[in-house]
Amino acid sequence: MKNILKIERARQNLTQQDLAEKVQVSRQTINSIEAGKYVPSTVLALKISRVFGVPVETLFELEEGD
């Protein structure tokens, strides 16, 4: 699964720690999602999209084989 979290964080001037605190996870979780090493749960993906004020599909995209 591809994502644009890093780009959206930059647009909103948020650090990984800022985003992590807003969605109640560790900074390492945000780092792993951005690196493509961890696929967030539906609940976490919805929380992240709510922080950015965009639909989940804007942030996350399925890749072939997902």
C-alpha atoms as a PDB file:
ATOM      1  CA  MET A   1       0.000   0.000   0.000  1.00  0.00           C
ATOM      2  CA  LYS A   2       1.369   3.388  -1.000  1.00  0.00           C
ATOM      3  CA  ASN A   3       0.768   6.519   1.032  1.00  0.00           C
ATOM      4  CA  ILE A   4       1.480  10.224   0.984  1.00  0.00           C
ATOM      5  CA  LEU A   5       1.622  10.822   4.732  1.00  0.00           C
ATOM      6  CA  LYS A   6       5.035  12.454   4.601  1.00  0.00           C
ATOM      7  CA  ILE A   7       3.837  14.909   1.952  1.00  0.00           C
ATOM      8  CA  GLU A   8       0.657  15.742   3.868  1.00  0.00           C
ATOM      9  CA  ARG A   9       2.611  16.174   7.098  1.00  0.00           C
ATOM     10  CA  ALA A  10       4.906  18.651   5.340  1.00  0.00           C
ATOM     11  CA  ARG A  11       1.930  20.566   3.933  1.00  0.00           C
ATOM     12  CA  GLN A  12       0.456  20.910   7.402  1.00  0.00           C
ATOM     13  CA  ASN A  13       3.821  21.477   9.085  1.00  0.00           C
ATOM     14  CA  LEU A  14       3.447  18.448  11.385  1.00  0.00           C
ATOM     15  CA  THR A  15       6.235  16.249  12.671  1.00  0.00           C
ATOM     16  CA  GLN A  16       5.855  12.499  12.966  1.00  0.00           C
ATOM     17  CA  GLN A  17       5.535  13.027  16.721  1.00  0.00           C
ATOM     18  CA  ASP A  18       2.777  15.638  16.251  1.00  0.00           C
ATOM     19  CA  LEU A  19       0.766  13.278  14.061  1.00  0.00           C
ATOM     20  CA  ALA A  20       1.390  10.342  16.383  1.00  0.00           C
ATOM     21  CA  GLU A  21       0.052  12.286  19.351  1.00  0.00           C
ATOM     22  CA  LYS A  22      -3.040  13.376  17.435  1.00  0.00           C
ATOM     23  CA  VAL A  23      -3.940   9.775  16.531  1.00  0.00           C
ATOM     24  CA  GLN A  24      -2.663   8.225  19.765  1.00  0.00           C
ATOM     25  CA  VAL A  25       0.090   5.974  18.414  1.00  0.00           C
ATOM     26  CA  SER A  26       3.880   6.016  18.716  1.00  0.00           C
ATOM     27  CA  ARG A  27       6.117   8.057  16.449  1.00  0.00           C
ATOM     28  CA  GLN A  28       7.641   4.762  15.331  1.00  0.00           C
ATOM     29  CA  THR A  29       4.230   3.643  14.054  1.00  0.00           C
ATOM     30  CA  ILE A  30       3.949   6.752  11.876  1.00  0.00           C
ATOM     31  CA  ASN A  31       7.506   6.195  10.645  1.00  0.00           C
ATOM     32  CA  SER A  32       6.707   2.564   9.745  1.00  0.00           C
ATOM     33  CA  ILE A  33       3.552   3.568   7.875  1.00  0.00           C
ATOM     34  CA  GLU A  34       5.428   6.227   5.897  1.00  0.00           C
ATOM     35  CA  ALA A  35       8.186   3.726   5.058  1.00  0.00           C
ATOM     36  CA  GLY A  36       5.620   1.209   3.799  1.00  0.00           C
ATOM     37  CA  LYS A  37       6.598  -1.331   6.457  1.00  0.00           C
ATOM     38  CA  TYR A  38       3.265  -1.230   8.273  1.00  0.00           C
ATOM     39  CA  VAL A  39      -0.296  -1.068   6.964  1.00  0.00           C
ATOM     40  CA  PRO A  40      -2.518   0.835   9.388  1.00  0.00           C
ATOM     41  CA  SER A  41      -5.774  -0.563  10.683  1.00  0.00           C
ATOM     42  CA  THR A  42      -8.968   0.878   9.275  1.00  0.00           C
ATOM     43  CA  VAL A  43      -9.515   2.815  12.496  1.00  0.00           C
ATOM     44  CA  LEU A  44      -6.032   4.318  12.408  1.00  0.00           C
ATOM     45  CA  ALA A  45      -6.311   5.198   8.707  1.00  0.00           C
ATOM     46  CA  LEU A  46      -9.614   6.960   9.425  1.00  0.00           C
ATOM     47  CA  LYS A  47      -8.097   8.871  12.353  1.00  0.00           C
ATOM     48  CA  ILE A  48      -5.177  10.004  10.195  1.00  0.00           C
ATOM     49  CA  SER A  49      -7.473  11.116   7.379  1.00  0.00           C
ATOM     50  CA  ARG A  50      -9.553  13.065   9.884  1.00  0.00           C
ATOM     51  CA  VAL A  51      -6.442  14.915  11.131  1.00  0.00           C
ATOM     52  CA  PHE A  52      -5.630  15.974   7.570  1.00  0.00           C
ATOM     53  CA  GLY A  53      -9.242  16.643   6.625  1.00  0.00           C
ATOM     54  CA  VAL A  54      -9.111  14.480   3.510  1.00  0.00           C
ATOM     55  CA  PRO A  55     -10.667  11.159   2.441  1.00  0.00           C
ATOM     56  CA  VAL A  56      -8.713   7.996   3.266  1.00  0.00           C
ATOM     57  CA  GLU A  57      -8.267   7.351  -0.458  1.00  0.00           C
ATOM     58  CA  THR A  58      -6.316  10.592  -0.752  1.00  0.00           C
ATOM     59  CA  LEU A  59      -3.703   9.349   1.721  1.00  0.00           C
ATOM     60  CA  PHE A  60      -3.590   5.625   0.992  1.00  0.00           C
ATOM     61  CA  GLU A  61      -3.584   3.781  -2.320  1.00  0.00           C
ATOM     62  CA  LEU A  62      -3.708   0.049  -2.924  1.00  0.00           C
ATOM     63  CA  GLU A  63      -0.951  -1.313  -5.112  1.00  0.00           C
ATOM     64  CA  GLU A  64      -1.276  -4.260  -7.448  1.00  0.00           C
ATOM     65  CA  GLY A  65      -0.904  -7.370  -5.344  1.00  0.00           C
ATOM     66  CA  ASP A  66      -2.367  -5.849  -2.172  1.00  0.00           C
END
